């Protein structure tokens, strides 16, 4: 994980790297994005989506339905 990234390490290296390549390095950037949109990114699977949701919800943020 890069120093400026705040994505959870539990997501896995490939998912974090691919999301960063799409400009997604901060949790606030996921607010309102759909799981379907994120799952279309190589390396991002259901586990990464679940972990994202677990980290977004305590901050009052959510993925779009």
N, C-alpha and C. Protein backbone atom coordinates (compact mmCIF):
# COMPACT_ATOMS: atom_id res chain seq x y z
N UNK A 1 0.85 -1.18 0.00
CA UNK A 1 0.00 0.00 0.00
C UNK A 1 0.89 1.23 0.00
N UNK A 2 0.54 2.19 -0.82
CA UNK A 2 1.33 3.41 -0.86
C UNK A 2 1.05 4.26 0.36
N UNK A 3 1.96 5.14 0.69
CA UNK A 3 1.84 5.95 1.90
C UNK A 3 0.58 6.81 1.88
N UNK A 4 0.16 7.30 0.70
CA UNK A 4 -1.00 8.18 0.66
C UNK A 4 -2.31 7.41 0.61
N UNK A 5 -2.26 6.10 0.47
CA UNK A 5 -3.46 5.31 0.39
C UNK A 5 -3.98 4.96 1.79
N UNK A 6 -5.29 5.04 1.95
CA UNK A 6 -5.87 4.64 3.23
C UNK A 6 -6.78 3.42 3.06
N UNK A 7 -6.57 2.69 1.97
CA UNK A 7 -7.37 1.48 1.76
C UNK A 7 -6.92 0.40 2.72
N UNK A 8 -7.86 -0.37 3.25
CA UNK A 8 -7.53 -1.40 4.23
C UNK A 8 -6.60 -2.47 3.66
N UNK A 9 -5.57 -2.83 4.41
CA UNK A 9 -4.61 -3.85 3.99
C UNK A 9 -5.29 -5.19 3.80
N UNK A 10 -6.38 -5.43 4.51
CA UNK A 10 -7.09 -6.71 4.42
C UNK A 10 -7.68 -6.95 3.03
N UNK A 11 -7.79 -5.90 2.23
CA UNK A 11 -8.35 -6.05 0.88
C UNK A 11 -7.44 -6.86 -0.02
N UNK A 12 -6.18 -6.87 0.25
CA UNK A 12 -5.24 -7.58 -0.61
C UNK A 12 -4.50 -6.61 -1.51
N UNK A 13 -3.29 -7.00 -1.84
CA UNK A 13 -2.40 -6.13 -2.60
C UNK A 13 -2.92 -5.81 -4.00
N UNK A 14 -3.43 -6.81 -4.70
CA UNK A 14 -3.88 -6.60 -6.07
C UNK A 14 -5.07 -5.65 -6.11
N UNK A 15 -6.05 -5.86 -5.25
CA UNK A 15 -7.23 -4.99 -5.23
C UNK A 15 -6.82 -3.55 -4.91
N UNK A 16 -5.97 -3.36 -3.91
CA UNK A 16 -5.53 -2.00 -3.56
C UNK A 16 -4.78 -1.34 -4.70
N UNK A 17 -3.91 -2.11 -5.36
CA UNK A 17 -3.13 -1.56 -6.47
C UNK A 17 -4.04 -1.17 -7.63
N UNK A 18 -4.97 -2.04 -7.99
CA UNK A 18 -5.85 -1.76 -9.13
C UNK A 18 -6.78 -0.59 -8.84
N UNK A 19 -7.28 -0.51 -7.62
CA UNK A 19 -8.12 0.64 -7.26
C UNK A 19 -7.31 1.93 -7.33
N UNK A 20 -6.06 1.88 -6.85
CA UNK A 20 -5.20 3.07 -6.91
C UNK A 20 -4.95 3.48 -8.36
N UNK A 21 -4.80 2.50 -9.25
CA UNK A 21 -4.61 2.83 -10.67
C UNK A 21 -5.83 3.54 -11.25
N UNK A 22 -6.99 3.31 -10.64
CA UNK A 22 -8.23 3.99 -11.06
C UNK A 22 -8.45 5.27 -10.24
N UNK A 23 -7.43 5.69 -9.50
CA UNK A 23 -7.52 6.94 -8.74
C UNK A 23 -8.25 6.83 -7.43
N UNK A 24 -8.50 5.61 -6.96
CA UNK A 24 -9.25 5.40 -5.71
C UNK A 24 -8.29 5.00 -4.60
N UNK A 25 -7.91 5.97 -3.78
CA UNK A 25 -6.95 5.70 -2.70
C UNK A 25 -7.48 6.10 -1.33
N UNK A 26 -8.62 6.79 -1.29
CA UNK A 26 -9.19 7.24 -0.01
C UNK A 26 -10.61 6.71 0.11
N UNK A 27 -10.98 6.31 1.32
CA UNK A 27 -12.31 5.74 1.56
C UNK A 27 -13.44 6.67 1.10
N UNK A 28 -13.27 7.96 1.29
CA UNK A 28 -14.33 8.90 0.90
C UNK A 28 -14.63 8.85 -0.59
N UNK A 29 -13.69 8.38 -1.40
CA UNK A 29 -13.90 8.31 -2.85
C UNK A 29 -14.86 7.19 -3.25
N UNK A 30 -15.15 6.28 -2.32
CA UNK A 30 -16.04 5.16 -2.62
C UNK A 30 -17.49 5.48 -2.29
N UNK A 31 -17.73 6.53 -1.54
CA UNK A 31 -19.08 6.89 -1.12
C UNK A 31 -19.94 7.14 -2.35
N UNK A 32 -20.99 6.34 -2.51
CA UNK A 32 -21.90 6.50 -3.63
C UNK A 32 -21.55 5.70 -4.86
N UNK A 33 -20.38 5.10 -4.90
CA UNK A 33 -20.03 4.24 -6.05
C UNK A 33 -20.74 2.90 -5.89
N UNK A 34 -21.03 2.27 -6.99
CA UNK A 34 -21.75 0.99 -6.91
C UNK A 34 -20.76 -0.17 -6.82
N UNK A 35 -21.20 -1.23 -6.15
CA UNK A 35 -20.39 -2.44 -6.06
C UNK A 35 -20.15 -3.00 -7.46
N UNK A 36 -21.16 -2.92 -8.32
CA UNK A 36 -21.04 -3.43 -9.70
C UNK A 36 -19.91 -2.71 -10.43
N UNK A 37 -19.84 -1.40 -10.27
CA UNK A 37 -18.78 -0.60 -10.90
C UNK A 37 -17.40 -1.04 -10.39
N UNK A 38 -17.29 -1.25 -9.09
CA UNK A 38 -16.01 -1.64 -8.51
C UNK A 38 -15.63 -3.07 -8.88
N UNK A 39 -16.61 -3.96 -8.94
CA UNK A 39 -16.33 -5.34 -9.30
C UNK A 39 -15.84 -5.48 -10.74
N UNK A 40 -16.10 -4.49 -11.57
CA UNK A 40 -15.64 -4.50 -12.95
C UNK A 40 -14.14 -4.23 -13.04
N UNK A 41 -13.54 -3.77 -11.97
CA UNK A 41 -12.10 -3.48 -11.95
C UNK A 41 -11.35 -4.78 -11.66
N UNK A 42 -10.38 -5.08 -12.49
CA UNK A 42 -9.58 -6.29 -12.32
C UNK A 42 -9.01 -6.36 -10.91
N UNK A 43 -9.14 -7.52 -10.29
CA UNK A 43 -8.57 -7.73 -8.96
C UNK A 43 -9.49 -7.38 -7.81
N UNK A 44 -10.62 -6.76 -8.12
CA UNK A 44 -11.58 -6.39 -7.08
C UNK A 44 -12.71 -7.41 -7.08
N UNK A 45 -12.84 -8.12 -5.97
CA UNK A 45 -13.85 -9.16 -5.88
C UNK A 45 -14.78 -8.93 -4.71
N UNK A 46 -15.64 -9.88 -4.45
CA UNK A 46 -16.61 -9.76 -3.35
C UNK A 46 -15.97 -9.51 -1.99
N UNK A 47 -14.81 -10.12 -1.74
CA UNK A 47 -14.13 -9.90 -0.45
C UNK A 47 -13.72 -8.44 -0.30
N UNK A 48 -13.17 -7.85 -1.35
CA UNK A 48 -12.77 -6.44 -1.29
C UNK A 48 -13.98 -5.54 -1.06
N UNK A 49 -15.10 -5.86 -1.69
CA UNK A 49 -16.33 -5.08 -1.52
C UNK A 49 -16.81 -5.18 -0.07
N UNK A 50 -16.79 -6.39 0.48
CA UNK A 50 -17.21 -6.58 1.87
C UNK A 50 -16.33 -5.78 2.82
N UNK A 51 -15.03 -5.82 2.61
CA UNK A 51 -14.10 -5.09 3.47
C UNK A 51 -14.31 -3.58 3.33
N UNK A 52 -14.53 -3.12 2.11
CA UNK A 52 -14.82 -1.69 1.90
C UNK A 52 -16.06 -1.27 2.68
N UNK A 53 -17.12 -2.08 2.57
CA UNK A 53 -18.36 -1.75 3.28
C UNK A 53 -18.12 -1.69 4.79
N UNK A 54 -17.34 -2.63 5.31
CA UNK A 54 -17.04 -2.66 6.75
C UNK A 54 -16.30 -1.41 7.21
N UNK A 55 -15.50 -0.83 6.33
CA UNK A 55 -14.74 0.37 6.69
C UNK A 55 -15.51 1.66 6.39
N UNK A 56 -16.42 1.62 5.44
CA UNK A 56 -17.20 2.80 5.08
C UNK A 56 -18.31 3.08 6.09
N UNK A 57 -19.00 2.04 6.50
CA UNK A 57 -20.20 2.21 7.34
C UNK A 57 -19.93 2.94 8.66
N UNK A 58 -18.84 2.65 9.39
CA UNK A 58 -18.61 3.40 10.63
C UNK A 58 -18.43 4.91 10.40
N UNK A 59 -18.05 5.29 9.18
CA UNK A 59 -17.87 6.71 8.84
C UNK A 59 -19.14 7.33 8.27
N UNK A 60 -20.23 6.53 8.23
CA UNK A 60 -21.48 7.03 7.67
C UNK A 60 -21.48 7.06 6.15
N UNK A 61 -20.61 6.33 5.53
CA UNK A 61 -20.52 6.28 4.07
C UNK A 61 -21.02 4.92 3.60
N UNK A 62 -21.48 4.87 2.34
CA UNK A 62 -22.04 3.62 1.81
C UNK A 62 -21.78 3.52 0.33
N UNK A 63 -21.70 2.29 -0.14
CA UNK A 63 -21.68 2.05 -1.59
C UNK A 63 -23.11 2.19 -2.08
N UNK A 64 -23.26 2.63 -3.32
CA UNK A 64 -24.59 2.77 -3.90
C UNK A 64 -25.19 1.38 -4.11
N UNK A 65 -26.53 1.29 -4.06
CA UNK A 65 -27.18 -0.02 -4.28
C UNK A 65 -26.97 -0.52 -5.70
